[in-house]
Amino acid sequence: MPDTTKDRSDTAAQKGQVRLATVVIVVAFVAWMAASAIGGALGLPARFAFLLDLACMAALIWALVVLYRVWRLRQNNGV
């Protein structure tokens, strides 16, 4: 008899990872747009804009890696 409890906990963990990656993507884009607008209005130097761009890209790459790992796990498990 298959261990459905483990399958359920794995699926719940994967859903949690997908939710977290989704929140990171949304927050990164909103923060990027807001900070770009505020930085432009305040006349902040371009180096701060590049720093913000790099931070947002890092968050998006992290989310992409998390989503790729979840996708691969689902492909291997046949879910």
PDB file of N, CA and C in Angstrom:
ATOM      1  N   MET A   1       0.847  -1.182   0.000  1.00  0.00           N
ATOM      2  CA  MET A   1       0.000   0.000   0.000  1.00  0.00           C
ATOM      3  C   MET A   1       0.892   1.245   0.000  1.00  0.00           C
ATOM      4  N   PRO A   2       0.672   2.186  -0.935  1.00  0.00           N
ATOM      5  CA  PRO A   2       1.520   3.374  -0.998  1.00  0.00           C
ATOM      6  C   PRO A   2       1.310   4.289   0.200  1.00  0.00           C
ATOM      7  N   ASP A   3       2.378   4.987   0.532  1.00  0.00           N
ATOM      8  CA  ASP A   3       2.335   5.915   1.663  1.00  0.00           C
ATOM      9  C   ASP A   3       1.766   7.249   1.196  1.00  0.00           C
ATOM     10  N   THR A   4       0.447   7.405   1.314  1.00  0.00           N
ATOM     11  CA  THR A   4      -0.217   8.611   0.821  1.00  0.00           C
ATOM     12  C   THR A   4       0.040   9.804   1.729  1.00  0.00           C
ATOM     13  N   THR A   5       0.378   9.573   2.991  1.00  0.00           N
ATOM     14  CA  THR A   5       0.673  10.676   3.902  1.00  0.00           C
ATOM     15  C   THR A   5       1.914  11.422   3.443  1.00  0.00           C
ATOM     16  N   LYS A   6       2.936  10.677   3.043  1.00  0.00           N
ATOM     17  CA  LYS A   6       4.169  11.302   2.555  1.00  0.00           C
ATOM     18  C   LYS A   6       3.902  12.048   1.252  1.00  0.00           C
ATOM     19  N   ASP A   7       3.079  11.451   0.375  1.00  0.00           N
ATOM     20  CA  ASP A   7       2.749  12.119  -0.889  1.00  0.00           C
ATOM     21  C   ASP A   7       2.006  13.427  -0.638  1.00  0.00           C
ATOM     22  N   ARG A   8       1.091  13.412   0.324  1.00  0.00           N
ATOM     23  CA  ARG A   8       0.339  14.624   0.642  1.00  0.00           C
ATOM     24  C   ARG A   8       1.253  15.702   1.213  1.00  0.00           C
ATOM     25  N   SER A   9       2.181  15.303   2.093  1.00  0.00           N
ATOM     26  CA  SER A   9       3.076  16.302   2.686  1.00  0.00           C
ATOM     27  C   SER A   9       4.036  16.854   1.640  1.00  0.00           C
ATOM     28  N   ASP A  10       4.480  15.999   0.689  1.00  0.00           N
ATOM     29  CA  ASP A  10       5.344  16.480  -0.396  1.00  0.00           C
ATOM     30  C   ASP A  10       4.584  17.466  -1.274  1.00  0.00           C
ATOM     31  N   THR A  11       3.339  17.132  -1.593  1.00  0.00           N
ATOM     32  CA  THR A  11       2.522  18.019  -2.422  1.00  0.00           C
ATOM     33  C   THR A  11       2.257  19.333  -1.697  1.00  0.00           C
ATOM     34  N   ALA A  12       1.983  19.265  -0.401  1.00  0.00           N
ATOM     35  CA  ALA A  12       1.752  20.485   0.375  1.00  0.00           C
ATOM     36  C   ALA A  12       3.015  21.328   0.431  1.00  0.00           C
ATOM     37  N   ALA A  13       4.166  20.702   0.575  1.00  0.00           N
ATOM     38  CA  ALA A  13       5.432  21.436   0.602  1.00  0.00           C
ATOM     39  C   ALA A  13       5.695  22.099  -0.748  1.00  0.00           C
ATOM     40  N   GLN A  14       5.384  21.399  -1.824  1.00  0.00           N
ATOM     41  CA  GLN A  14       5.575  21.960  -3.157  1.00  0.00           C
ATOM     42  C   GLN A  14       4.635  23.147  -3.370  1.00  0.00           C
ATOM     43  N   LYS A  15       3.406  23.020  -2.919  1.00  0.00           N
ATOM     44  CA  LYS A  15       2.459  24.135  -3.052  1.00  0.00           C
ATOM     45  C   LYS A  15       2.942  25.338  -2.252  1.00  0.00           C
ATOM     46  N   GLY A  16       3.503  25.083  -1.083  1.00  0.00           N
ATOM     47  CA  GLY A  16       4.048  26.166  -0.270  1.00  0.00           C
ATOM     48  C   GLY A  16       5.213  26.855  -0.958  1.00  0.00           C
ATOM     49  N   GLN A  17       6.070  26.066  -1.615  1.00  0.00           N
ATOM     50  CA  GLN A  17       7.197  26.650  -2.339  1.00  0.00           C
ATOM     51  C   GLN A  17       6.719  27.482  -3.524  1.00  0.00           C
ATOM     52  N   VAL A  18       5.700  26.997  -4.217  1.00  0.00           N
ATOM     53  CA  VAL A  18       5.159  27.747  -5.347  1.00  0.00           C
ATOM     54  C   VAL A  18       4.537  29.052  -4.861  1.00  0.00           C
ATOM     55  N   ARG A  19       3.814  28.996  -3.750  1.00  0.00           N
ATOM     56  CA  ARG A  19       3.212  30.206  -3.186  1.00  0.00           C
ATOM     57  C   ARG A  19       4.285  31.221  -2.792  1.00  0.00           C
ATOM     58  N   LEU A  20       5.339  30.743  -2.144  1.00  0.00           N
ATOM     59  CA  LEU A  20       6.422  31.625  -1.733  1.00  0.00           C
ATOM     60  C   LEU A  20       7.090  32.262  -2.947  1.00  0.00           C
ATOM     61  N   ALA A  21       7.356  31.482  -3.979  1.00  0.00           N
ATOM     62  CA  ALA A  21       7.969  32.024  -5.196  1.00  0.00           C
ATOM     63  C   ALA A  21       7.050  33.057  -5.845  1.00  0.00           C
ATOM     64  N   THR A  22       5.756  32.804  -5.827  1.00  0.00           N
ATOM     65  CA  THR A  22       4.797  33.754  -6.395  1.00  0.00           C
ATOM     66  C   THR A  22       4.813  35.068  -5.633  1.00  0.00           C
ATOM     67  N   VAL A  23       4.834  34.989  -4.317  1.00  0.00           N
ATOM     68  CA  VAL A  23       4.877  36.201  -3.497  1.00  0.00           C
ATOM     69  C   VAL A  23       6.170  36.971  -3.759  1.00  0.00           C
ATOM     70  N   VAL A  24       7.279  36.260  -3.873  1.00  0.00           N
ATOM     71  CA  VAL A  24       8.562  36.920  -4.141  1.00  0.00           C
ATOM     72  C   VAL A  24       8.519  37.638  -5.489  1.00  0.00           C
ATOM     73  N   ILE A  25       7.949  37.006  -6.500  1.00  0.00           N
ATOM     74  CA  ILE A  25       7.854  37.627  -7.828  1.00  0.00           C
ATOM     75  C   ILE A  25       7.011  38.899  -7.765  1.00  0.00           C
ATOM     76  N   VAL A  26       5.857  38.819  -7.138  1.00  0.00           N
ATOM     77  CA  VAL A  26       4.956  39.975  -7.065  1.00  0.00           C
ATOM     78  C   VAL A  26       5.609  41.110  -6.267  1.00  0.00           C
ATOM     79  N   VAL A  27       6.178  40.788  -5.121  1.00  0.00           N
ATOM     80  CA  VAL A  27       6.802  41.820  -4.284  1.00  0.00           C
ATOM     81  C   VAL A  27       7.999  42.444  -5.003  1.00  0.00           C
ATOM     82  N   ALA A  28       8.790  41.629  -5.693  1.00  0.00           N
ATOM     83  CA  ALA A  28       9.954  42.156  -6.408  1.00  0.00           C
ATOM     84  C   ALA A  28       9.525  43.149  -7.485  1.00  0.00           C
ATOM     85  N   PHE A  29       8.508  42.795  -8.259  1.00  0.00           N
ATOM     86  CA  PHE A  29       8.061  43.705  -9.315  1.00  0.00           C
ATOM     87  C   PHE A  29       7.441  44.977  -8.753  1.00  0.00           C
ATOM     88  N   VAL A  30       6.629  44.852  -7.723  1.00  0.00           N
ATOM     89  CA  VAL A  30       5.998  46.035  -7.132  1.00  0.00           C
ATOM     90  C   VAL A  30       7.061  46.934  -6.496  1.00  0.00           C
ATOM     91  N   ALA A  31       8.007  46.340  -5.773  1.00  0.00           N
ATOM     92  CA  ALA A  31       9.072  47.134  -5.156  1.00  0.00           C
ATOM     93  C   ALA A  31       9.933  47.797  -6.224  1.00  0.00           C
ATOM     94  N   TRP A  32      10.187  47.077  -7.299  1.00  0.00           N
ATOM     95  CA  TRP A  32      11.007  47.619  -8.383  1.00  0.00           C
ATOM     96  C   TRP A  32      10.332  48.834  -9.016  1.00  0.00           C
ATOM     97  N   MET A  33       9.043  48.696  -9.320  1.00  0.00           N
ATOM     98  CA  MET A  33       8.323  49.819  -9.935  1.00  0.00           C
ATOM     99  C   MET A  33       8.202  51.000  -8.974  1.00  0.00           C
ATOM    100  N   ALA A  34       7.870  50.720  -7.721  1.00  0.00           N
ATOM    101  CA  ALA A  34       7.690  51.796  -6.747  1.00  0.00           C
ATOM    102  C   ALA A  34       9.012  52.511  -6.479  1.00  0.00           C
ATOM    103  N   ALA A  35      10.056  51.757  -6.273  1.00  0.00           N
ATOM    104  CA  ALA A  35      11.349  52.370  -5.971  1.00  0.00           C
ATOM    105  C   ALA A  35      11.900  53.128  -7.175  1.00  0.00           C
ATOM    106  N   SER A  36      11.644  52.631  -8.372  1.00  0.00           N
ATOM    107  CA  SER A  36      12.081  53.356  -9.563  1.00  0.00           C
ATOM    108  C   SER A  36      11.360  54.686  -9.678  1.00  0.00           C
ATOM    109  N   ALA A  37      10.072  54.692  -9.414  1.00  0.00           N
ATOM    110  CA  ALA A  37       9.304  55.934  -9.481  1.00  0.00           C
ATOM    111  C   ALA A  37       9.743  56.907  -8.383  1.00  0.00           C
ATOM    112  N   ILE A  38       9.913  56.399  -7.181  1.00  0.00           N
ATOM    113  CA  ILE A  38      10.323  57.256  -6.063  1.00  0.00           C
ATOM    114  C   ILE A  38      11.749  57.764  -6.282  1.00  0.00           C
ATOM    115  N   GLY A  39      12.628  56.881  -6.736  1.00  0.00           N
ATOM    116  CA  GLY A  39      14.005  57.293  -6.994  1.00  0.00           C
ATOM    117  C   GLY A  39      14.099  58.354  -8.073  1.00  0.00           C
ATOM    118  N   GLY A  40      13.284  58.217  -9.116  1.00  0.00           N
ATOM    119  CA  GLY A  40      13.256  59.231 -10.164  1.00  0.00           C
ATOM    120  C   GLY A  40      12.722  60.560  -9.668  1.00  0.00           C
ATOM    121  N   ALA A  41      11.702  60.494  -8.818  1.00  0.00           N
ATOM    122  CA  ALA A  41      11.117  61.722  -8.291  1.00  0.00           C
ATOM    123  C   ALA A  41      12.067  62.438  -7.335  1.00  0.00           C
ATOM    124  N   LEU A  42      12.853  61.663  -6.583  1.00  0.00           N
ATOM    125  CA  LEU A  42      13.793  62.254  -5.628  1.00  0.00           C
ATOM    126  C   LEU A  42      15.131  62.601  -6.260  1.00  0.00           C
ATOM    127  N   GLY A  43      15.363  62.123  -7.467  1.00  0.00           N
ATOM    128  CA  GLY A  43      16.620  62.409  -8.146  1.00  0.00           C
ATOM    129  C   GLY A  43      17.803  61.635  -7.590  1.00  0.00           C
ATOM    130  N   LEU A  44      17.560  60.397  -7.146  1.00  0.00           N
ATOM    131  CA  LEU A  44      18.656  59.580  -6.614  1.00  0.00           C
ATOM    132  C   LEU A  44      19.642  59.226  -7.727  1.00  0.00           C
ATOM    133  N   PRO A  45      20.910  59.034  -7.374  1.00  0.00           N
ATOM    134  CA  PRO A  45      21.908  58.676  -8.387  1.00  0.00           C
ATOM    135  C   PRO A  45      21.593  57.344  -9.064  1.00  0.00           C
ATOM    136  N   ALA A  46      22.140  57.181 -10.260  1.00  0.00           N
ATOM    137  CA  ALA A  46      21.876  55.975 -11.051  1.00  0.00           C
ATOM    138  C   ALA A  46      22.414  54.722 -10.376  1.00  0.00           C
ATOM    139  N   ARG A  47      23.448  54.854  -9.555  1.00  0.00           N
ATOM    140  CA  ARG A  47      24.011  53.659  -8.908  1.00  0.00           C
ATOM    141  C   ARG A  47      22.987  52.986  -7.992  1.00  0.00           C
ATOM    142  N   PHE A  48      22.085  53.777  -7.390  1.00  0.00           N
ATOM    143  CA  PHE A  48      21.037  53.195  -6.562  1.00  0.00           C
ATOM    144  C   PHE A  48      20.003  52.464  -7.423  1.00  0.00           C
ATOM    145  N   ALA A  49      19.745  52.988  -8.594  1.00  0.00           N
ATOM    146  CA  ALA A  49      18.830  52.316  -9.514  1.00  0.00           C
ATOM    147  C   ALA A  49      19.408  50.973  -9.950  1.00  0.00           C
ATOM    148  N   PHE A  50      20.708  50.953 -10.236  1.00  0.00           N
ATOM    149  CA  PHE A  50      21.344  49.687 -10.623  1.00  0.00           C
ATOM    150  C   PHE A  50      21.358  48.694  -9.465  1.00  0.00           C
ATOM    151  N   LEU A  51      21.570  49.192  -8.264  1.00  0.00           N
ATOM    152  CA  LEU A  51      21.535  48.325  -7.087  1.00  0.00           C
ATOM    153  C   LEU A  51      20.153  47.711  -6.915  1.00  0.00           C
ATOM    154  N   LEU A  52      19.127  48.525  -7.088  1.00  0.00           N
ATOM    155  CA  LEU A  52      17.752  48.030  -6.998  1.00  0.00           C
ATOM    156  C   LEU A  52      17.472  47.010  -8.100  1.00  0.00           C
ATOM    157  N   ASP A  53      17.932  47.293  -9.310  1.00  0.00           N
ATOM    158  CA  ASP A  53      17.748  46.357 -10.419  1.00  0.00           C
ATOM    159  C   ASP A  53      18.399  45.012 -10.121  1.00  0.00           C
ATOM    160  N   LEU A  54      19.610  45.049  -9.590  1.00  0.00           N
ATOM    161  CA  LEU A  54      20.310  43.796  -9.266  1.00  0.00           C
ATOM    162  C   LEU A  54      19.595  43.017  -8.161  1.00  0.00           C
ATOM    163  N   ALA A  55      19.099  43.728  -7.153  1.00  0.00           N
ATOM    164  CA  ALA A  55      18.377  43.064  -6.071  1.00  0.00           C
ATOM    165  C   ALA A  55      17.098  42.409  -6.593  1.00  0.00           C
ATOM    166  N   CYS A  56      16.376  43.106  -7.446  1.00  0.00           N
ATOM    167  CA  CYS A  56      15.144  42.543  -8.005  1.00  0.00           C
ATOM    168  C   CYS A  56      15.445  41.368  -8.927  1.00  0.00           C
ATOM    169  N   MET A  57      16.511  41.480  -9.720  1.00  0.00           N
ATOM    170  CA  MET A  57      16.880  40.355 -10.582  1.00  0.00           C
ATOM    171  C   MET A  57      17.281  39.139  -9.758  1.00  0.00           C
ATOM    172  N   ALA A  58      17.986  39.365  -8.646  1.00  0.00           N
ATOM    173  CA  ALA A  58      18.362  38.251  -7.774  1.00  0.00           C
ATOM    174  C   ALA A  58      17.115  37.562  -7.213  1.00  0.00           C
ATOM    175  N   ALA A  59      16.132  38.355  -6.796  1.00  0.00           N
ATOM    176  CA  ALA A  59      14.887  37.780  -6.267  1.00  0.00           C
ATOM    177  C   ALA A  59      14.156  36.982  -7.349  1.00  0.00           C
ATOM    178  N   LEU A  60      14.125  37.514  -8.562  1.00  0.00           N
ATOM    179  CA  LEU A  60      13.433  36.823  -9.651  1.00  0.00           C
ATOM    180  C   LEU A  60      14.167  35.546 -10.059  1.00  0.00           C
ATOM    181  N   ILE A  61      15.487  35.573 -10.065  1.00  0.00           N
ATOM    182  CA  ILE A  61      16.257  34.361 -10.386  1.00  0.00           C
ATOM    183  C   ILE A  61      16.041  33.306  -9.313  1.00  0.00           C
ATOM    184  N   TRP A  62      16.019  33.730  -8.033  1.00  0.00           N
ATOM    185  CA  TRP A  62      15.761  32.784  -6.952  1.00  0.00           C
ATOM    186  C   TRP A  62      14.385  32.129  -7.132  1.00  0.00           C
ATOM    187  N   ALA A  63      13.376  32.937  -7.444  1.00  0.00           N
ATOM    188  CA  ALA A  63      12.027  32.403  -7.635  1.00  0.00           C
ATOM    189  C   ALA A  63      11.988  31.449  -8.829  1.00  0.00           C
ATOM    190  N   LEU A  64      12.705  31.791  -9.896  1.00  0.00           N
ATOM    191  CA  LEU A  64      12.762  30.920 -11.062  1.00  0.00           C
ATOM    192  C   LEU A  64      13.403  29.577 -10.721  1.00  0.00           C
ATOM    193  N   VAL A  65      14.458  29.596  -9.931  1.00  0.00           N
ATOM    194  CA  VAL A  65      15.115  28.352  -9.524  1.00  0.00           C
ATOM    195  C   VAL A  65      14.178  27.507  -8.670  1.00  0.00           C
ATOM    196  N   VAL A  66      13.469  28.142  -7.745  1.00  0.00           N
ATOM    197  CA  VAL A  66      12.515  27.405  -6.898  1.00  0.00           C
ATOM    198  C   VAL A  66      11.419  26.775  -7.749  1.00  0.00           C
ATOM    199  N   LEU A  67      10.868  27.537  -8.687  1.00  0.00           N
ATOM    200  CA  LEU A  67       9.805  27.002  -9.539  1.00  0.00           C
ATOM    201  C   LEU A  67      10.324  25.887 -10.438  1.00  0.00           C
ATOM    202  N   TYR A  68      11.549  25.999 -10.917  1.00  0.00           N
ATOM    203  CA  TYR A  68      12.138  24.943 -11.742  1.00  0.00           C
ATOM    204  C   TYR A  68      12.307  23.661 -10.931  1.00  0.00           C
ATOM    205  N   ARG A  69      12.772  23.796  -9.691  1.00  0.00           N
ATOM    206  CA  ARG A  69      12.941  22.609  -8.838  1.00  0.00           C
ATOM    207  C   ARG A  69      11.603  21.927  -8.561  1.00  0.00           C
ATOM    208  N   VAL A  70      10.569  22.708  -8.293  1.00  0.00           N
ATOM    209  CA  VAL A  70       9.241  22.134  -8.060  1.00  0.00           C
ATOM    210  C   VAL A  70       8.744  21.444  -9.323  1.00  0.00           C
ATOM    211  N   TRP A  71       8.943  22.078 -10.461  1.00  0.00           N
ATOM    212  CA  TRP A  71       8.517  21.483 -11.735  1.00  0.00           C
ATOM    213  C   TRP A  71       9.224  20.159 -11.976  1.00  0.00           C
ATOM    214  N   ARG A  72      10.542  20.109 -11.711  1.00  0.00           N
ATOM    215  CA  ARG A  72      11.295  18.865 -11.905  1.00  0.00           C
ATOM    216  C   ARG A  72      10.824  17.775 -10.947  1.00  0.00           C
ATOM    217  N   LEU A  73      10.545  18.138  -9.701  1.00  0.00           N
ATOM    218  CA  LEU A  73      10.038  17.158  -8.742  1.00  0.00           C
ATOM    219  C   LEU A  73       8.706  16.595  -9.192  1.00  0.00           C
ATOM    220  N   ARG A  74       7.849  17.447  -9.700  1.00  0.00           N
ATOM    221  CA  ARG A  74       6.544  16.974 -10.177  1.00  0.00           C
ATOM    222  C   ARG A  74       6.694  16.093 -11.410  1.00  0.00           C
ATOM    223  N   GLN A  75       7.651  16.411 -12.279  1.00  0.00           N
ATOM    224  CA  GLN A  75       7.889  15.585 -13.461  1.00  0.00           C
ATOM    225  C   GLN A  75       8.384  14.202 -13.054  1.00  0.00           C
ATOM    226  N   ASN A  76       9.277  14.157 -12.059  1.00  0.00           N
ATOM    227  CA  ASN A  76       9.837  12.875 -11.611  1.00  0.00           C
ATOM    228  C   ASN A  76       8.831  12.040 -10.837  1.00  0.00           C
ATOM    229  N   ASN A  77       7.939  12.698 -10.101  1.00  0.00           N
ATOM    230  CA  ASN A  77       6.960  11.979  -9.284  1.00  0.00           C
ATOM    231  C   ASN A  77       5.677  11.651 -10.062  1.00  0.00           C
ATOM    232  N   GLY A  78       5.512  12.222 -11.213  1.00  0.00           N
ATOM    233  CA  GLY A  78       4.311  11.944 -12.007  1.00  0.00           C
ATOM    234  C   GLY A  78       3.076  12.612 -11.472  1.00  0.00           C
ATOM    235  N   VAL A  79       3.229  13.734 -10.793  1.00  0.00           N
ATOM    236  CA  VAL A  79       2.075  14.459 -10.235  1.00  0.00           C
ATOM    237  C   VAL A  79       1.495  15.361 -11.286  1.00  0.00           C
TER     238      VAL A  79
END
